[in-house]
PDB file of N, CA and C in Angstrom:
ATOM      1  N   UNK A   1     -18.952 -34.004  -5.305  1.00  0.00           N
ATOM      2  CA  UNK A   1     -18.399 -34.247  -3.971  1.00  0.00           C
ATOM      3  C   UNK A   1     -17.734 -32.976  -3.460  1.00  0.00           C
ATOM      4  N   UNK A   2     -17.751 -32.847  -2.174  1.00  0.00           N
ATOM      5  CA  UNK A   2     -17.113 -31.649  -1.638  1.00  0.00           C
ATOM      6  C   UNK A   2     -15.596 -31.836  -1.562  1.00  0.00           C
ATOM      7  N   UNK A   3     -14.921 -30.766  -1.274  1.00  0.00           N
ATOM      8  CA  UNK A   3     -13.453 -30.756  -1.293  1.00  0.00           C
ATOM      9  C   UNK A   3     -12.867 -31.706  -0.247  1.00  0.00           C
ATOM     10  N   UNK A   4     -13.485 -31.766   0.922  1.00  0.00           N
ATOM     11  CA  UNK A   4     -12.951 -32.611   1.999  1.00  0.00           C
ATOM     12  C   UNK A   4     -13.014 -34.088   1.627  1.00  0.00           C
ATOM     13  N   UNK A   5     -14.116 -34.520   1.015  1.00  0.00           N
ATOM     14  CA  UNK A   5     -14.248 -35.929   0.608  1.00  0.00           C
ATOM     15  C   UNK A   5     -13.181 -36.299  -0.416  1.00  0.00           C
ATOM     16  N   UNK A   6     -12.959 -35.429  -1.383  1.00  0.00           N
ATOM     17  CA  UNK A   6     -11.940 -35.703  -2.396  1.00  0.00           C
ATOM     18  C   UNK A   6     -10.546 -35.727  -1.781  1.00  0.00           C
ATOM     19  N   UNK A   7     -10.302 -34.867  -0.812  1.00  0.00           N
ATOM     20  CA  UNK A   7      -9.001 -34.845  -0.144  1.00  0.00           C
ATOM     21  C   UNK A   7      -8.773 -36.140   0.633  1.00  0.00           C
ATOM     22  N   UNK A   8      -9.790 -36.601   1.351  1.00  0.00           N
ATOM     23  CA  UNK A   8      -9.660 -37.840   2.115  1.00  0.00           C
ATOM     24  C   UNK A   8      -9.443 -39.016   1.174  1.00  0.00           C
ATOM     25  N   UNK A   9     -10.199 -39.072   0.078  1.00  0.00           N
ATOM     26  CA  UNK A   9     -10.033 -40.172  -0.881  1.00  0.00           C
ATOM     27  C   UNK A   9      -8.645 -40.150  -1.510  1.00  0.00           C
ATOM     28  N   UNK A  10      -8.104 -38.971  -1.774  1.00  0.00           N
ATOM     29  CA  UNK A  10      -6.762 -38.864  -2.341  1.00  0.00           C
ATOM     30  C   UNK A  10      -5.711 -39.348  -1.354  1.00  0.00           C
ATOM     31  N   UNK A  11      -5.840 -38.964  -0.100  1.00  0.00           N
ATOM     32  CA  UNK A  11      -4.871 -39.392   0.916  1.00  0.00           C
ATOM     33  C   UNK A  11      -4.932 -40.901   1.107  1.00  0.00           C
ATOM     34  N   UNK A  12      -6.143 -41.455   1.157  1.00  0.00           N
ATOM     35  CA  UNK A  12      -6.292 -42.905   1.309  1.00  0.00           C
ATOM     36  C   UNK A  12      -5.696 -43.626   0.105  1.00  0.00           C
ATOM     37  N   UNK A  13      -5.962 -43.125  -1.099  1.00  0.00           N
ATOM     38  CA  UNK A  13      -5.426 -43.760  -2.306  1.00  0.00           C
ATOM     39  C   UNK A  13      -3.904 -43.681  -2.331  1.00  0.00           C
ATOM     40  N   UNK A  14      -3.344 -42.533  -1.981  1.00  0.00           N
ATOM     41  CA  UNK A  14      -1.886 -42.385  -1.985  1.00  0.00           C
ATOM     42  C   UNK A  14      -1.225 -43.235  -0.909  1.00  0.00           C
ATOM     43  N   UNK A  15      -1.977 -43.608   0.112  1.00  0.00           N
ATOM     44  CA  UNK A  15      -1.441 -44.473   1.158  1.00  0.00           C
ATOM     45  C   UNK A  15      -1.548 -45.942   0.770  1.00  0.00           C
ATOM     46  N   UNK A  16      -2.695 -46.348   0.227  1.00  0.00           N
ATOM     47  CA  UNK A  16      -2.944 -47.766  -0.010  1.00  0.00           C
ATOM     48  C   UNK A  16      -2.366 -48.297  -1.321  1.00  0.00           C
ATOM     49  N   UNK A  17      -2.284 -47.479  -2.352  1.00  0.00           N
ATOM     50  CA  UNK A  17      -1.772 -47.965  -3.640  1.00  0.00           C
ATOM     51  C   UNK A  17      -0.333 -48.462  -3.523  1.00  0.00           C
ATOM     52  N   UNK A  18       0.591 -47.739  -2.889  1.00  0.00           N
ATOM     53  CA  UNK A  18       1.945 -48.295  -2.740  1.00  0.00           C
ATOM     54  C   UNK A  18       1.976 -49.575  -1.918  1.00  0.00           C
ATOM     55  N   UNK A  19       1.116 -49.674  -0.895  1.00  0.00           N
ATOM     56  CA  UNK A  19       1.076 -50.889  -0.083  1.00  0.00           C
ATOM     57  C   UNK A  19       0.627 -52.071  -0.930  1.00  0.00           C
ATOM     58  N   UNK A  20      -0.406 -51.876  -1.743  1.00  0.00           N
ATOM     59  CA  UNK A  20      -0.902 -52.948  -2.608  1.00  0.00           C
ATOM     60  C   UNK A  20       0.162 -53.343  -3.625  1.00  0.00           C
ATOM     61  N   UNK A  21       0.848 -52.370  -4.211  1.00  0.00           N
ATOM     62  CA  UNK A  21       1.891 -52.678  -5.190  1.00  0.00           C
ATOM     63  C   UNK A  21       3.056 -53.422  -4.550  1.00  0.00           C
ATOM     64  N   UNK A  22       3.448 -53.033  -3.357  1.00  0.00           N
ATOM     65  CA  UNK A  22       4.523 -53.745  -2.660  1.00  0.00           C
ATOM     66  C   UNK A  22       4.108 -55.167  -2.325  1.00  0.00           C
ATOM     67  N   UNK A  23       2.859 -55.357  -1.922  1.00  0.00           N
ATOM     68  CA  UNK A  23       2.381 -56.706  -1.621  1.00  0.00           C
ATOM     69  C   UNK A  23       2.361 -57.570  -2.877  1.00  0.00           C
ATOM     70  N   UNK A  24       1.947 -57.004  -3.999  1.00  0.00           N
ATOM     71  CA  UNK A  24       1.938 -57.751  -5.253  1.00  0.00           C
ATOM     72  C   UNK A  24       3.356 -58.153  -5.644  1.00  0.00           C
ATOM     73  N   UNK A  25       4.308 -57.229  -5.518  1.00  0.00           N
ATOM     74  CA  UNK A  25       5.694 -57.547  -5.841  1.00  0.00           C
ATOM     75  C   UNK A  25       6.231 -58.617  -4.908  1.00  0.00           C
ATOM     76  N   UNK A  26       5.929 -58.514  -3.614  1.00  0.00           N
ATOM     77  CA  UNK A  26       6.401 -59.502  -2.639  1.00  0.00           C
ATOM     78  C   UNK A  26       5.834 -60.880  -2.946  1.00  0.00           C
ATOM     79  N   UNK A  27       4.539 -60.959  -3.246  1.00  0.00           N
ATOM     80  CA  UNK A  27       3.940 -62.269  -3.528  1.00  0.00           C
ATOM     81  C   UNK A  27       4.499 -62.852  -4.823  1.00  0.00           C
ATOM     82  N   UNK A  28       4.758 -62.005  -5.827  1.00  0.00           N
ATOM     83  CA  UNK A  28       5.401 -62.496  -7.044  1.00  0.00           C
ATOM     84  C   UNK A  28       6.791 -63.034  -6.721  1.00  0.00           C
ATOM     85  N   UNK A  29       7.549 -62.324  -5.897  1.00  0.00           N
ATOM     86  CA  UNK A  29       8.915 -62.726  -5.565  1.00  0.00           C
ATOM     87  C   UNK A  29       8.927 -64.046  -4.797  1.00  0.00           C
ATOM     88  N   UNK A  30       7.990 -64.229  -3.883  1.00  0.00           N
ATOM     89  CA  UNK A  30       7.938 -65.442  -3.077  1.00  0.00           C
ATOM     90  C   UNK A  30       7.573 -66.649  -3.942  1.00  0.00           C
ATOM     91  N   UNK A  31       6.627 -66.482  -4.866  1.00  0.00           N
ATOM     92  CA  UNK A  31       6.118 -67.601  -5.653  1.00  0.00           C
ATOM     93  C   UNK A  31       6.700 -67.648  -7.066  1.00  0.00           C
ATOM     94  N   UNK A  32       7.871 -67.057  -7.293  1.00  0.00           N
ATOM     95  CA  UNK A  32       8.410 -66.961  -8.645  1.00  0.00           C
ATOM     96  C   UNK A  32       8.945 -68.280  -9.192  1.00  0.00           C
ATOM     97  N   UNK A  33       9.371 -69.196  -8.333  1.00  0.00           N
ATOM     98  CA  UNK A  33       9.956 -70.440  -8.838  1.00  0.00           C
ATOM     99  C   UNK A  33       8.896 -71.527  -8.950  1.00  0.00           C
ATOM    100  N   UNK A  34       9.077 -72.388  -9.924  1.00  0.00           N
ATOM    101  CA  UNK A  34       8.142 -73.489 -10.129  1.00  0.00           C
ATOM    102  C   UNK A  34       8.474 -74.626  -9.170  1.00  0.00           C
ATOM    103  N   UNK A  35       7.460 -75.387  -8.844  1.00  0.00           N
ATOM    104  CA  UNK A  35       7.656 -76.551  -7.981  1.00  0.00           C
ATOM    105  C   UNK A  35       8.101 -77.719  -8.847  1.00  0.00           C
ATOM    106  N   UNK A  36       9.154 -78.377  -8.435  1.00  0.00           N
ATOM    107  CA  UNK A  36       9.670 -79.534  -9.167  1.00  0.00           C
ATOM    108  C   UNK A  36       9.121 -80.809  -8.533  1.00  0.00           C
ATOM    109  N   UNK A  37       9.044 -81.898  -9.297  1.00  0.00           N
ATOM    110  CA  UNK A  37       8.561 -83.154  -8.701  1.00  0.00           C
ATOM    111  C   UNK A  37       9.402 -83.595  -7.503  1.00  0.00           C
ATOM    112  N   UNK A  38      10.689 -83.281  -7.504  1.00  0.00           N
ATOM    113  CA  UNK A  38      11.555 -83.670  -6.386  1.00  0.00           C
ATOM    114  C   UNK A  38      11.244 -82.860  -5.127  1.00  0.00           C
ATOM    115  N   UNK A  39      10.577 -81.711  -5.286  1.00  0.00           N
ATOM    116  CA  UNK A  39      10.247 -80.869  -4.140  1.00  0.00           C
ATOM    117  C   UNK A  39       8.982 -81.322  -3.421  1.00  0.00           C
ATOM    118  N   UNK A  40       8.322 -82.346  -3.933  1.00  0.00           N
ATOM    119  CA  UNK A  40       7.066 -82.800  -3.332  1.00  0.00           C
ATOM    120  C   UNK A  40       7.312 -83.320  -1.919  1.00  0.00           C
ATOM    121  N   UNK A  41       6.513 -82.853  -1.003  1.00  0.00           N
ATOM    122  CA  UNK A  41       6.649 -83.262   0.394  1.00  0.00           C
ATOM    123  C   UNK A  41       5.538 -84.241   0.746  1.00  0.00           C
ATOM    124  N   UNK A  42       5.872 -85.238   1.533  1.00  0.00           N
ATOM    125  CA  UNK A  42       4.866 -86.190   2.014  1.00  0.00           C
ATOM    126  C   UNK A  42       4.236 -85.638   3.286  1.00  0.00           C
ATOM    127  N   UNK A  43       2.950 -85.856   3.426  1.00  0.00           N
ATOM    128  CA  UNK A  43       2.252 -85.384   4.623  1.00  0.00           C
ATOM    129  C   UNK A  43       1.918 -86.534   5.516  1.00  0.00           C
TER     130      UNK A  43
END
């Protein structure tokens, strides 16, 4: 690959990897507690 392609891929990776990691941490934080039988909602 030429230098420009590798540079673009590096910039994209350095931009998207932190976003993906933050999203994973956020989703873990939101869904960290277990659902209890008393929490069941009627529809």
